[in-house]
C-alpha atoms as a PDB file:
ATOM      1  CA  MET A   1     153.366  53.501  69.342  1.00  0.00           C
ATOM      2  CA  THR A   2     155.451  51.112  71.481  1.00  0.00           C
ATOM      3  CA  ASP A   3     158.444  52.408  73.413  1.00  0.00           C
ATOM      4  CA  PRO A   4     161.639  51.623  71.526  1.00  0.00           C
ATOM      5  CA  LEU A   5     163.578  51.017  74.700  1.00  0.00           C
ATOM      6  CA  SER A   6     160.997  48.265  75.823  1.00  0.00           C
ATOM      7  CA  VAL A   7     161.219  46.832  72.207  1.00  0.00           C
ATOM      8  CA  ALA A   8     164.994  46.619  72.381  1.00  0.00           C
ATOM      9  CA  THR A   9     164.980  45.224  75.959  1.00  0.00           C
ATOM     10  CA  THR A  10     162.491  42.496  74.800  1.00  0.00           C
ATOM     11  CA  ALA A  11     164.655  41.681  71.740  1.00  0.00           C
ATOM     12  CA  ILE A  12     167.735  41.612  73.876  1.00  0.00           C
ATOM     13  CA  GLY A  13     166.020  39.262  76.394  1.00  0.00           C
ATOM     14  CA  LEU A  14     164.938  36.986  73.504  1.00  0.00           C
ATOM     15  CA  LEU A  15     168.504  36.849  71.952  1.00  0.00           C
ATOM     16  CA  LYS A  16     169.795  35.921  75.385  1.00  0.00           C
ATOM     17  CA  SER A  17     167.395  33.164  76.160  1.00  0.00           C
ATOM     18  CA  THR A  18     167.889  31.897  72.452  1.00  0.00           C
ATOM     19  CA  THR A  19     171.728  31.923  72.918  1.00  0.00           C
ATOM     20  CA  GLU A  20     171.360  30.102  76.259  1.00  0.00           C
ATOM     21  CA  ALA A  21     169.160  27.342  74.556  1.00  0.00           C
ATOM     22  CA  LEU A  22     171.425  27.106  71.606  1.00  0.00           C
ATOM     23  CA  ASN A  23     174.390  26.549  73.863  1.00  0.00           C
ATOM     24  CA  ALA A  24     172.621  23.764  75.761  1.00  0.00           C
ATOM     25  CA  LEU A  25     171.746  22.104  72.482  1.00  0.00           C
ATOM     26  CA  ARG A  26     175.166  22.391  71.143  1.00  0.00           C
ATOM     27  CA  GLU A  27     176.477  20.673  74.309  1.00  0.00           C
ATOM     28  CA  ARG A  28     174.075  17.775  73.696  1.00  0.00           C
ATOM     29  CA  ALA A  29     174.928  17.628  69.911  1.00  0.00           C
ATOM     30  CA  GLN A  30     178.632  17.214  70.820  1.00  0.00           C
ATOM     31  CA  ARG A  31     177.823  13.837  72.155  1.00  0.00           C
ATOM     32  CA  SER A  32     175.909  12.916  69.041  1.00  0.00           C
ATOM     33  CA  LYS A  33     177.661  11.262  66.043  1.00  0.00           C
ATOM     34  CA  ASP A  34     175.234  12.943  63.539  1.00  0.00           C
ATOM     35  CA  ILE A  35     177.290  15.484  61.605  1.00  0.00           C
ATOM     36  CA  ASP A  36     174.379  17.027  59.957  1.00  0.00           C
ATOM     37  CA  ILE A  37     172.838  18.004  63.253  1.00  0.00           C
ATOM     38  CA  LYS A  38     176.198  19.537  64.394  1.00  0.00           C
ATOM     39  CA  ASP A  39     176.458  21.438  61.028  1.00  0.00           C
ATOM     40  CA  GLN A  40     172.843  22.763  61.360  1.00  0.00           C
ATOM     41  CA  ILE A  41     173.413  23.904  65.018  1.00  0.00           C
ATOM     42  CA  ASN A  42     176.635  25.626  64.101  1.00  0.00           C
ATOM     43  CA  THR A  43     174.667  27.356  61.208  1.00  0.00           C
ATOM     44  CA  LEU A  44     171.868  28.456  63.675  1.00  0.00           C
ATOM     45  CA  TYR A  45     174.576  29.582  66.154  1.00  0.00           C
ATOM     46  CA  ASP A  46     176.194  31.872  63.575  1.00  0.00           C
ATOM     47  CA  SER A  47     172.788  33.287  62.621  1.00  0.00           C
ATOM     48  CA  VAL A  48     171.919  34.011  66.263  1.00  0.00           C
ATOM     49  CA  LEU A  49     175.196  35.817  66.760  1.00  0.00           C
ATOM     50  CA  GLY A  50     174.680  37.798  63.471  1.00  0.00           C
ATOM     51  CA  LEU A  51     171.150  38.931  64.687  1.00  0.00           C
ATOM     52  CA  LYS A  52     172.685  39.821  68.039  1.00  0.00           C
ATOM     53  CA  GLU A  53     175.220  41.967  66.284  1.00  0.00           C
ATOM     54  CA  VAL A  54     172.404  43.743  64.268  1.00  0.00           C
ATOM     55  CA  VAL A  55     170.354  44.353  67.355  1.00  0.00           C
ATOM     56  CA  LEU A  56     173.290  45.891  69.094  1.00  0.00           C
ATOM     57  CA  ARG A  57     174.025  48.135  66.115  1.00  0.00           C
ATOM     58  CA  LEU A  58     170.445  49.041  65.852  1.00  0.00           C
ATOM     59  CA  LEU A  59     170.535  50.003  69.627  1.00  0.00           C
ATOM     60  CA  ASP A  60     173.604  52.193  69.068  1.00  0.00           C
ATOM     61  CA  GLU A  61     171.999  53.970  66.193  1.00  0.00           C
ATOM     62  CA  ASN A  62     168.785  54.459  68.073  1.00  0.00           C
ATOM     63  CA  LYS A  63     170.635  55.994  70.951  1.00  0.00           C
ATOM     64  CA  ALA A  64     172.488  58.355  68.573  1.00  0.00           C
ATOM     65  CA  LEU A  65     169.045  59.379  66.976  1.00  0.00           C
ATOM     66  CA  HIS A  66     167.623  60.111  70.383  1.00  0.00           C
ATOM     67  CA  ASN A  67     170.715  62.269  71.210  1.00  0.00           C
ATOM     68  CA  ARG A  68     170.337  64.256  68.048  1.00  0.00           C
ATOM     69  CA  LEU A  69     166.507  64.633  68.573  1.00  0.00           C
ATOM     70  CA  ASP A  70     167.186  65.833  72.075  1.00  0.00           C
ATOM     71  CA  GLN A  71     169.803  68.302  71.090  1.00  0.00           C
ATOM     72  CA  GLN A  72     167.346  69.677  68.279  1.00  0.00           C
ATOM     73  CA  GLN A  73     164.480  69.953  70.836  1.00  0.00           C
ATOM     74  CA  HIS A  74     166.689  71.719  73.374  1.00  0.00           C
ATOM     75  CA  ALA A  75     168.507  73.935  70.932  1.00  0.00           C
ATOM     76  CA  PRO A  76     169.068  77.471  72.130  1.00  0.00           C
ATOM     77  CA  ALA A  77     166.651  80.048  70.906  1.00  0.00           C
ATOM     78  CA  LYS A  78     167.718  81.887  67.789  1.00  0.00           C
ATOM     79  CA  PRO A  79     168.109  85.692  68.392  1.00  0.00           C
ATOM     80  CA  LYS A  80     166.265  88.077  66.303  1.00  0.00           C
ATOM     81  CA  ILE A  81     167.710  91.344  64.980  1.00  0.00           C
ATOM     82  CA  ARG A  82     166.172  94.641  65.928  1.00  0.00           C
ATOM     83  CA  GLN A  83     167.304  98.313  65.458  1.00  0.00           C
ATOM     84  CA  VAL A  84     167.581 100.485  68.346  1.00  0.00           C
ATOM     85  CA  GLY A  85     168.422 103.999  67.287  1.00  0.00           C
ATOM     86  CA  ASP A  86     170.822 103.839  64.291  1.00  0.00           C
ATOM     87  CA  THR A  87     172.220 100.389  65.480  1.00  0.00           C
ATOM     88  CA  ASN A  88     171.166  96.769  65.036  1.00  0.00           C
ATOM     89  CA  PHE A  89     171.280  94.576  68.049  1.00  0.00           C
ATOM     90  CA  TYR A  90     170.223  90.835  68.365  1.00  0.00           C
ATOM     91  CA  PHE A  91     167.703  90.026  71.115  1.00  0.00           C
ATOM     92  CA  LEU A  92     166.360  86.756  72.423  1.00  0.00           C
ATOM     93  CA  ASP A  93     162.499  86.518  72.749  1.00  0.00           C
ATOM     94  CA  GLY A  94     161.427  87.822  75.992  1.00  0.00           C
ATOM     95  CA  ASP A  95     164.692  89.373  76.814  1.00  0.00           C
ATOM     96  CA  GLU A  96     165.377  93.023  76.433  1.00  0.00           C
ATOM     97  CA  LYS A  97     169.279  92.570  76.872  1.00  0.00           C
ATOM     98  CA  PRO A  98     171.109  93.428  73.487  1.00  0.00           C
ATOM     99  CA  TYR A  99     173.650  91.238  72.051  1.00  0.00           C
ATOM    100  CA  CYS A 100     176.548  92.095  69.698  1.00  0.00           C
ATOM    101  CA  GLN A 101     175.694  91.844  66.009  1.00  0.00           C
ATOM    102  CA  PRO A 102     179.299  91.448  64.538  1.00  0.00           C
ATOM    103  CA  CYS A 103     180.036  88.716  67.253  1.00  0.00           C
ATOM    104  CA  TYR A 104     176.846  86.690  66.308  1.00  0.00           C
ATOM    105  CA  ASP A 105     177.301  87.183  62.545  1.00  0.00           C
ATOM    106  CA  GLY A 106     180.837  85.875  62.527  1.00  0.00           C
ATOM    107  CA  LYS A 107     181.965  82.321  62.234  1.00  0.00           C
ATOM    108  CA  ALA A 108     181.364  81.303  65.830  1.00  0.00           C
ATOM    109  CA  LYS A 109     177.725  82.432  66.047  1.00  0.00           C
ATOM    110  CA  THR A 110     178.414  83.461  69.549  1.00  0.00           C
ATOM    111  CA  LEU A 111     175.838  85.566  71.635  1.00  0.00           C
ATOM    112  CA  VAL A 112     177.847  88.253  73.470  1.00  0.00           C
ATOM    113  CA  ALA A 113     175.835  90.561  75.837  1.00  0.00           C
ATOM    114  CA  LEU A 114     176.895  94.176  75.371  1.00  0.00           C
ATOM    115  CA  LEU A 115     177.784  96.203  78.430  1.00  0.00           C
ATOM    116  CA  PRO A 116     175.266  98.546  80.074  1.00  0.00           C
ATOM    117  CA  PRO A 117     174.668 101.780  78.233  1.00  0.00           C
ATOM    118  CA  GLU A 118     176.684 104.795  79.057  1.00  0.00           C
ATOM    119  CA  ASP A 119     176.302 108.394  78.451  1.00  0.00           C
ATOM    120  CA  TRP A 120     178.806 109.668  76.199  1.00  0.00           C
ATOM    121  CA  SER A 121     178.958 113.330  74.982  1.00  0.00           C
ATOM    122  CA  GLY A 122     175.106 113.746  75.197  1.00  0.00           C
ATOM    123  CA  GLY A 123     174.559 110.433  73.439  1.00  0.00           C
ATOM    124  CA  ILE A 124     174.251 106.795  74.611  1.00  0.00           C
ATOM    125  CA  ARG A 125     176.552 103.909  73.614  1.00  0.00           C
ATOM    126  CA  ARG A 126     177.280 100.349  74.545  1.00  0.00           C
ATOM    127  CA  LYS A 127     180.458  98.422  74.237  1.00  0.00           C
ATOM    128  CA  CYS A 128     181.011  94.779  73.299  1.00  0.00           C
ATOM    129  CA  PRO A 129     183.447  93.132  75.907  1.00  0.00           C
ATOM    130  CA  VAL A 130     184.561  90.703  73.267  1.00  0.00           C
ATOM    131  CA  CYS A 131     185.147  92.577  69.861  1.00  0.00           C
ATOM    132  CA  ASN A 132     185.465  96.120  71.756  1.00  0.00           C
ATOM    133  CA  ALA A 133     183.101  97.737  69.197  1.00  0.00           C
ATOM    134  CA  PHE A 134     181.029 100.605  70.290  1.00  0.00           C
ATOM    135  CA  PHE A 135     177.368 100.911  69.260  1.00  0.00           C
ATOM    136  CA  TYR A 136     175.529 104.135  69.547  1.00  0.00           C
ATOM    137  CA  GLU A 137     171.913 103.994  70.597  1.00  0.00           C
ATOM    138  CA  LYS A 138     171.680 107.588  70.561  1.00  0.00           C
ATOM    139  CA  LYS A 139     174.211 109.789  68.804  1.00  0.00           C
ATOM    140  CA  MET A 140     176.089 112.416  70.602  1.00  0.00           C
ATOM    141  CA  GLU A 141     174.733 115.979  70.416  1.00  0.00           C
ATOM    142  CA  ARG A 142     176.939 118.356  68.566  1.00  0.00           C
ATOM    143  CA  ALA A 143     177.036 121.931  69.939  1.00  0.00           C
ATOM    144  CA  SER A 144     175.351 124.361  67.801  1.00  0.00           C
ATOM    145  CA  PHE A 145     177.626 127.015  66.597  1.00  0.00           C
ATOM    146  CA  THR A 146     176.266 130.295  65.325  1.00  0.00           C
ATOM    147  CA  GLN A 147     177.991 131.740  62.526  1.00  0.00           C
ATOM    148  CA  ARG A 148     179.341 135.171  62.894  1.00  0.00           C
ATOM    149  CA  SER A 149     180.075 137.684  60.344  1.00  0.00           C
ATOM    150  CA  GLY A 150     183.707 138.829  60.830  1.00  0.00           C
ATOM    151  CA  GLY A 151     186.491 137.625  63.160  1.00  0.00           C
ATOM    152  CA  PRO A 152     186.258 135.998  66.598  1.00  0.00           C
ATOM    153  CA  ASN A 153     184.883 139.120  68.334  1.00  0.00           C
ATOM    154  CA  GLY A 154     182.338 139.855  65.490  1.00  0.00           C
ATOM    155  CA  TRP A 155     184.443 142.456  63.736  1.00  0.00           C
ATOM    156  CA  MET A 156     185.618 142.296  60.209  1.00  0.00           C
ATOM    157  CA  GLY A 157     189.286 142.490  59.653  1.00  0.00           C
END
């Protein structure tokens, strides 16, 4: 497949040399008294200018398509959701840093890295610095209470 840039460069070079030759011919035709030749040269001149406009439009379109293709090829990786404990986090491939699910699932699709884990009442939690939500990787441990029969000192009242 030929390189589109070299094809465009060749087309522009051909248009430039054709326009120069046409300008020289037009100057010579001005000294002529043949109206048909002058009319044909003007028609040819209009056609070359139209062709030049089309080539420039195609170049612009080609550039826009290259930009779109480049953006698609270099698009950021899409995160995958994974459950840690009772909580779902987003993770990027090869990265163990969790991202906030509500922030990504919102309208902006923004990946927000969660703060490092912190111990909290025997559990482990993380906080999102943007939406301030807490996510519990490990639920807090509840103190086990033994039920006694009777009052606080074990006597019945």
